[in-house]
Amino acid sequence: MNATSGKPFTQRLEATASATEALLLELLADKPLENEIIRPQRLLEAMRYGSLNGGKRLRPFLVVESAALFDVPHSAALLAGAALESIHCYSLIHDDLPSMDNSDLRRGKPTAHKQFDEATAILAGDALLTIAFDIITRDEIHPKAEVRLKLTRALARASGIGGMAGGQMMDLAGEGRFGDKTPPDVEKLQQMKTGALLHFGCIAGGLLGEASVKDYAALDIYGKALGEAFQIADDLLDLESDAATLGKPAGQDDALGKTTFVTLLGVDGARQRLKNLVSKADEALAGFGDRADVLRATARFVAERQN
């Protein structure tokens, strides 16, 4: 049974965030696990700094709520969500590095390389990426090794060359980092860089619940629509908000010369596309009836968020 069942959307989101925080703290404990030798304290501190005390934990929330459609045990879904969040946090640490986006502020506090140093930040990101695959393969996730394998493969592909990392490379190329500036295919770029991990959060519940082909396809469509909606909302916030509200520098996209949905479609066009994507996400969930109301509310939350 989902520990947050029966609670309003905001309370459910906050409850999953708190549970994820506690689980990450447990996973990043001082004591080494079997076949580990020691856990260097400075590295642990940097990993905790980059992954604790911040964020809405939207990605693990998507895992928990998509899994709830199939009555997956909450503890198993939360563990899978923690693996996903570890990869998300690693990506933020590396994104902020001087060689990438060169950001000094994240979630209202100094970025990891500012708080520690660049080498420590790089290793903290590496270690968070690696521990994610330790977590996602654990027996507690699912009794069937085949299900754990499918989850692991899906997470790797969402994170790697054809997913987030590949999207980041396309983003840098679009800034002109490697020669002539060539505007990227924004839709594919954002499906990879931002959308891939959000999409995984949605299909993970279907994988954990051994969903039917029809139900899995519905979550697949929902996840893709949600991922694009998140990025469009992010592009609009970067243009229209400020650092105090965002907890990170505003106007970064324009400063770095990024091609975004807003530069491609204009503000009004981006807002209309965002509205259409929320409708598409809602329609994809029709077969689940009111059991998917929380996921519907999540799509609206993503579109309407202020930070």
Protein backbone atom coordinates (compact mmCIF):
# COMPACT_ATOMS: atom_id res chain seq x y z
CA MET A 1 0.00 0.00 0.00
CA ASN A 2 1.28 3.47 -0.89
CA ALA A 3 2.08 5.30 2.33
CA THR A 4 0.74 8.54 0.83
CA SER A 5 -2.61 7.16 -0.37
CA GLY A 6 -5.61 9.36 0.42
CA LYS A 7 -3.56 12.54 0.85
CA PRO A 8 -3.96 15.63 -1.35
CA PHE A 9 -1.42 16.08 -4.15
CA THR A 10 0.89 18.52 -2.34
CA GLN A 11 1.02 16.36 0.76
CA ARG A 12 1.76 13.27 -1.32
CA LEU A 13 4.58 15.07 -3.12
CA GLU A 14 6.04 16.29 0.18
CA ALA A 15 5.69 12.85 1.80
CA THR A 16 7.58 11.19 -1.06
CA ALA A 17 10.24 13.91 -0.92
CA SER A 18 10.74 13.32 2.80
CA ALA A 19 10.85 9.55 2.37
CA THR A 20 13.34 9.88 -0.49
CA GLU A 21 15.52 12.19 1.60
CA ALA A 22 15.59 9.68 4.46
CA LEU A 23 16.37 6.80 2.13
CA LEU A 24 19.20 8.66 0.37
CA LEU A 25 20.70 9.52 3.75
CA GLU A 26 20.56 5.84 4.67
CA LEU A 27 22.11 4.80 1.35
CA LEU A 28 24.92 7.33 1.83
CA ALA A 29 25.81 6.15 5.33
CA ASP A 30 29.42 6.07 6.55
CA LYS A 31 29.62 2.30 6.91
CA PRO A 32 30.97 0.52 3.80
CA LEU A 33 28.89 -2.25 2.24
CA GLU A 34 30.06 -5.75 1.38
CA ASN A 35 32.96 -5.60 -1.10
CA GLU A 36 33.53 -1.89 -0.40
CA ILE A 37 36.74 -1.04 1.43
CA ILE A 38 36.13 2.40 2.93
CA ARG A 39 33.90 5.35 2.06
CA PRO A 40 36.12 8.47 2.00
CA GLN A 41 34.54 11.13 4.17
CA ARG A 42 35.08 14.08 1.83
CA LEU A 43 33.50 12.20 -1.06
CA LEU A 44 30.53 11.18 1.09
CA GLU A 45 30.07 14.77 2.25
CA ALA A 46 30.06 16.03 -1.35
CA MET A 47 27.59 13.32 -2.41
CA ARG A 48 25.28 14.24 0.44
CA TYR A 49 25.68 17.93 -0.30
CA GLY A 50 24.67 17.40 -3.92
CA SER A 51 21.75 15.08 -3.23
CA LEU A 52 20.19 16.02 0.13
CA ASN A 53 18.23 19.02 1.41
CA GLY A 54 16.73 20.26 -1.80
CA GLY A 55 14.41 19.74 -4.70
CA LYS A 56 10.84 18.56 -5.05
CA ARG A 57 11.93 14.96 -5.74
CA LEU A 58 9.59 14.91 -8.74
CA ARG A 59 11.34 11.98 -10.40
CA PRO A 60 11.02 9.54 -7.49
CA PHE A 61 7.46 10.81 -7.02
CA LEU A 62 6.67 9.73 -10.58
CA VAL A 63 8.08 6.26 -9.84
CA VAL A 64 6.04 5.94 -6.66
CA GLU A 65 2.80 7.17 -8.22
CA SER A 66 3.09 5.20 -11.47
CA ALA A 67 3.90 2.08 -9.43
CA ALA A 68 0.87 2.70 -7.22
CA LEU A 69 -1.37 2.08 -10.26
CA PHE A 70 -0.28 -1.56 -10.10
CA ASP A 71 -0.19 -1.95 -6.29
CA VAL A 72 3.61 -2.22 -6.23
CA PRO A 73 4.93 -2.13 -2.64
CA HIS A 74 5.77 1.46 -1.69
CA SER A 75 9.21 0.50 -0.35
CA ALA A 76 10.21 -1.07 -3.68
CA ALA A 77 9.01 1.92 -5.70
CA LEU A 78 10.80 4.29 -3.35
CA LEU A 79 14.06 2.39 -3.75
CA ALA A 80 13.78 2.59 -7.54
CA GLY A 81 12.99 6.29 -7.16
CA ALA A 82 16.13 6.79 -5.07
CA ALA A 83 18.23 5.25 -7.85
CA LEU A 84 16.68 7.65 -10.35
CA GLU A 85 17.18 10.63 -8.04
CA SER A 86 20.85 9.71 -7.57
CA ILE A 87 21.36 9.98 -11.32
CA HIS A 88 19.43 13.26 -11.48
CA CYS A 89 21.60 14.73 -8.70
CA TYR A 90 24.81 13.55 -10.35
CA SER A 91 23.72 15.28 -13.55
CA LEU A 92 23.12 18.56 -11.70
CA ILE A 93 26.57 18.46 -10.07
CA HIS A 94 28.24 17.91 -13.44
CA ASP A 95 25.96 20.40 -15.25
CA ASP A 96 27.08 23.15 -12.89
CA LEU A 97 30.80 22.62 -13.51
CA PRO A 98 32.81 25.42 -15.19
CA SER A 99 33.30 23.24 -18.26
CA MET A 100 29.53 22.80 -18.62
CA ASP A 101 27.06 25.54 -17.53
CA ASN A 102 29.49 27.22 -15.10
CA SER A 103 26.89 27.88 -12.40
CA ASP A 104 27.68 29.10 -8.90
CA LEU A 105 24.20 28.60 -7.41
CA ARG A 106 21.92 25.57 -7.17
CA ARG A 107 18.78 25.33 -5.01
CA GLY A 108 19.73 28.60 -3.35
CA LYS A 109 23.18 27.47 -2.18
CA PRO A 110 26.68 27.24 -3.68
CA THR A 111 27.10 24.51 -6.26
CA ALA A 112 29.16 21.45 -5.32
CA HIS A 113 32.34 22.60 -7.04
CA LYS A 114 32.09 25.94 -5.23
CA GLN A 115 31.43 24.34 -1.86
CA PHE A 116 34.23 21.80 -2.30
CA ASP A 117 36.35 21.89 -5.48
CA GLU A 118 36.03 20.73 -9.08
CA ALA A 119 37.77 17.37 -8.63
CA THR A 120 35.61 16.48 -5.62
CA ALA A 121 32.46 17.55 -7.47
CA ILE A 122 33.35 15.37 -10.46
CA LEU A 123 33.97 12.35 -8.24
CA ALA A 124 30.79 12.98 -6.25
CA GLY A 125 28.82 12.96 -9.49
CA ASP A 126 30.61 9.80 -10.66
CA ALA A 127 29.85 8.07 -7.37
CA LEU A 128 26.16 9.08 -7.39
CA LEU A 129 25.82 7.72 -10.93
CA THR A 130 27.46 4.47 -9.88
CA ILE A 131 25.48 3.97 -6.68
CA ALA A 132 22.27 4.33 -8.69
CA PHE A 133 23.02 1.01 -10.39
CA ASP A 134 23.86 -0.61 -7.06
CA ILE A 135 20.41 0.47 -5.85
CA ILE A 136 18.34 -0.43 -8.93
CA THR A 137 19.67 -4.01 -8.99
CA ARG A 138 18.87 -4.80 -5.35
CA ASP A 139 16.67 -7.78 -4.59
CA GLU A 140 14.27 -5.60 -2.59
CA ILE A 141 13.24 -3.79 -5.79
CA HIS A 142 11.49 -6.86 -7.23
CA PRO A 143 11.69 -10.63 -6.60
CA LYS A 144 12.16 -11.35 -10.33
CA ALA A 145 15.66 -10.80 -11.71
CA GLU A 146 14.13 -10.26 -15.17
CA VAL A 147 12.18 -7.23 -13.89
CA ARG A 148 15.28 -5.80 -12.21
CA LEU A 149 17.21 -6.29 -15.45
CA LYS A 150 14.57 -4.43 -17.47
CA LEU A 151 14.61 -1.57 -14.95
CA THR A 152 18.40 -1.39 -15.00
CA ARG A 153 18.57 -1.38 -18.78
CA ALA A 154 15.86 1.28 -19.03
CA LEU A 155 17.63 3.48 -16.49
CA ALA A 156 20.97 3.10 -18.29
CA ARG A 157 19.45 4.05 -21.62
CA ALA A 158 17.63 7.03 -20.13
CA SER A 159 20.91 8.24 -18.61
CA GLY A 160 23.44 7.54 -21.32
CA ILE A 161 24.43 8.24 -24.89
CA GLY A 162 20.91 7.99 -26.31
CA GLY A 163 19.37 9.76 -23.32
CA MET A 164 20.49 12.42 -20.89
CA ALA A 165 24.25 12.43 -21.63
CA GLY A 166 23.61 12.48 -25.36
CA GLY A 167 21.19 15.35 -24.91
CA GLN A 168 23.77 17.29 -22.95
CA MET A 169 26.27 16.83 -25.79
CA MET A 170 23.71 18.10 -28.31
CA ASP A 171 23.06 21.09 -26.04
CA LEU A 172 26.76 21.99 -25.90
CA ALA A 173 27.09 21.60 -29.66
CA GLY A 174 24.13 23.93 -30.08
CA GLU A 175 26.02 26.58 -28.11
CA GLY A 176 28.88 26.40 -30.62
CA ARG A 177 31.31 24.72 -28.23
CA PHE A 178 32.85 22.49 -30.90
CA GLY A 179 32.91 24.75 -33.93
CA ASP A 180 30.17 26.47 -35.92
CA LYS A 181 26.97 26.95 -33.96
CA THR A 182 24.27 24.74 -35.46
CA PRO A 183 20.77 25.03 -33.95
CA PRO A 184 19.88 21.58 -32.61
CA ASP A 185 16.68 19.61 -33.05
CA VAL A 186 15.18 21.06 -29.87
CA GLU A 187 12.49 18.43 -29.52
CA LYS A 188 14.95 15.50 -29.69
CA LEU A 189 17.49 17.33 -27.52
CA GLN A 190 15.00 17.91 -24.72
CA GLN A 191 13.50 14.42 -25.01
CA MET A 192 17.00 13.25 -24.17
CA LYS A 193 18.56 15.84 -21.85
CA THR A 194 15.55 16.55 -19.64
CA GLY A 195 12.76 14.26 -20.73
CA ALA A 196 14.53 10.90 -20.57
CA LEU A 197 14.82 10.71 -16.76
CA LEU A 198 11.27 12.03 -16.25
CA HIS A 199 10.01 9.50 -18.79
CA PHE A 200 11.83 6.72 -16.94
CA GLY A 201 10.08 7.79 -13.73
CA CYS A 202 6.75 7.15 -15.44
CA ILE A 203 7.51 3.82 -17.12
CA ALA A 204 9.36 2.48 -14.07
CA GLY A 205 6.03 1.92 -12.33
CA GLY A 206 4.83 -0.07 -15.30
CA LEU A 207 8.00 -2.19 -15.30
CA LEU A 208 7.77 -2.80 -11.55
CA GLY A 209 4.08 -3.66 -11.87
CA GLU A 210 4.60 -5.89 -14.92
CA ALA A 211 1.99 -3.82 -16.72
CA SER A 212 0.08 -4.97 -19.77
CA VAL A 213 1.22 -3.74 -23.17
CA LYS A 214 -1.70 -1.30 -23.22
CA ASP A 215 -1.02 0.14 -19.77
CA TYR A 216 2.72 0.41 -20.41
CA ALA A 217 2.05 2.25 -23.68
CA ALA A 218 -0.19 4.71 -21.84
CA LEU A 219 2.56 5.49 -19.33
CA ASP A 220 5.05 5.81 -22.19
CA ILE A 221 2.90 8.47 -23.90
CA TYR A 222 2.23 10.23 -20.59
CA GLY A 223 5.93 10.25 -19.69
CA LYS A 224 7.01 11.75 -23.01
CA ALA A 225 4.37 14.48 -22.80
CA LEU A 226 5.30 15.25 -19.19
CA GLY A 227 9.01 15.45 -20.00
CA GLU A 228 8.46 17.96 -22.79
CA ALA A 229 6.03 19.98 -20.66
CA PHE A 230 8.62 20.17 -17.89
CA GLN A 231 11.25 21.54 -20.27
CA ILE A 232 8.94 24.15 -21.80
CA ALA A 233 7.95 25.33 -18.33
CA ASP A 234 11.66 25.44 -17.43
CA ASP A 235 12.46 27.50 -20.53
CA LEU A 236 9.70 29.98 -19.65
CA LEU A 237 10.90 30.24 -16.05
CA ASP A 238 14.48 30.88 -17.15
CA LEU A 239 13.22 33.75 -19.28
CA GLU A 240 10.67 35.26 -16.91
CA SER A 241 11.74 34.45 -13.34
CA ASP A 242 14.70 35.49 -11.17
CA ALA A 243 17.49 33.83 -9.24
CA ALA A 244 15.82 34.33 -5.85
CA THR A 245 12.74 32.44 -7.01
CA LEU A 246 14.54 29.77 -9.00
CA GLY A 247 17.34 29.12 -6.50
CA LYS A 248 19.81 29.24 -9.41
CA PRO A 249 20.91 31.89 -11.94
CA ALA A 250 18.14 33.11 -14.25
CA GLY A 251 18.67 33.98 -17.90
CA GLN A 252 21.25 31.23 -18.34
CA ASP A 253 19.76 29.95 -21.60
CA ASP A 254 20.10 33.33 -23.29
CA ALA A 255 23.55 33.97 -21.80
CA LEU A 256 24.84 30.65 -23.14
CA GLY A 257 23.14 31.09 -26.50
CA LYS A 258 20.96 28.01 -26.10
CA THR A 259 18.18 27.22 -28.57
CA THR A 260 15.06 26.47 -26.50
CA PHE A 261 11.37 25.89 -27.09
CA VAL A 262 10.82 29.57 -26.30
CA THR A 263 13.34 30.79 -28.89
CA LEU A 264 11.87 28.30 -31.36
CA LEU A 265 8.16 28.92 -30.75
CA GLY A 266 8.05 32.30 -29.03
CA VAL A 267 6.48 32.81 -25.60
CA ASP A 268 2.87 32.49 -26.78
CA GLY A 269 3.65 29.46 -28.92
CA ALA A 270 5.48 27.79 -26.04
CA ARG A 271 2.56 28.39 -23.70
CA GLN A 272 0.10 26.90 -26.18
CA ARG A 273 2.29 23.85 -26.70
CA LEU A 274 2.55 23.45 -22.93
CA LYS A 275 -1.24 23.51 -22.66
CA ASN A 276 -1.56 20.91 -25.42
CA LEU A 277 0.96 18.63 -23.72
CA VAL A 278 -0.95 18.69 -20.43
CA SER A 279 -4.07 17.66 -22.36
CA LYS A 280 -2.13 14.88 -24.09
CA ALA A 281 -0.82 13.61 -20.75
CA ASP A 282 -4.35 13.62 -19.34
CA GLU A 283 -5.76 11.73 -22.33
CA ALA A 284 -3.04 9.08 -22.13
CA LEU A 285 -4.22 8.13 -18.64
CA ALA A 286 -7.89 7.68 -19.57
CA GLY A 287 -7.74 3.89 -19.24
CA PHE A 288 -6.72 4.13 -15.58
CA GLY A 289 -9.79 6.14 -14.57
CA ASP A 290 -9.61 8.09 -11.34
CA ARG A 291 -6.72 5.92 -10.09
CA ALA A 292 -4.45 8.16 -12.17
CA ASP A 293 -5.74 11.46 -10.77
CA VAL A 294 -2.45 12.09 -8.97
CA LEU A 295 -0.50 11.70 -12.20
CA ARG A 296 -2.93 14.06 -13.93
CA ALA A 297 -2.35 16.59 -11.14
CA THR A 298 1.40 16.09 -11.59
CA ALA A 299 1.21 17.16 -15.23
CA ARG A 300 -0.66 20.34 -14.24
CA PHE A 301 1.83 20.97 -11.44
CA VAL A 302 4.75 20.66 -13.86
CA ALA A 303 3.16 23.16 -16.25
CA GLU A 304 2.21 25.68 -13.58
CA ARG A 305 5.24 25.53 -11.26
CA GLN A 306 7.05 28.74 -10.34
CA ASN A 307 10.52 27.30 -9.64
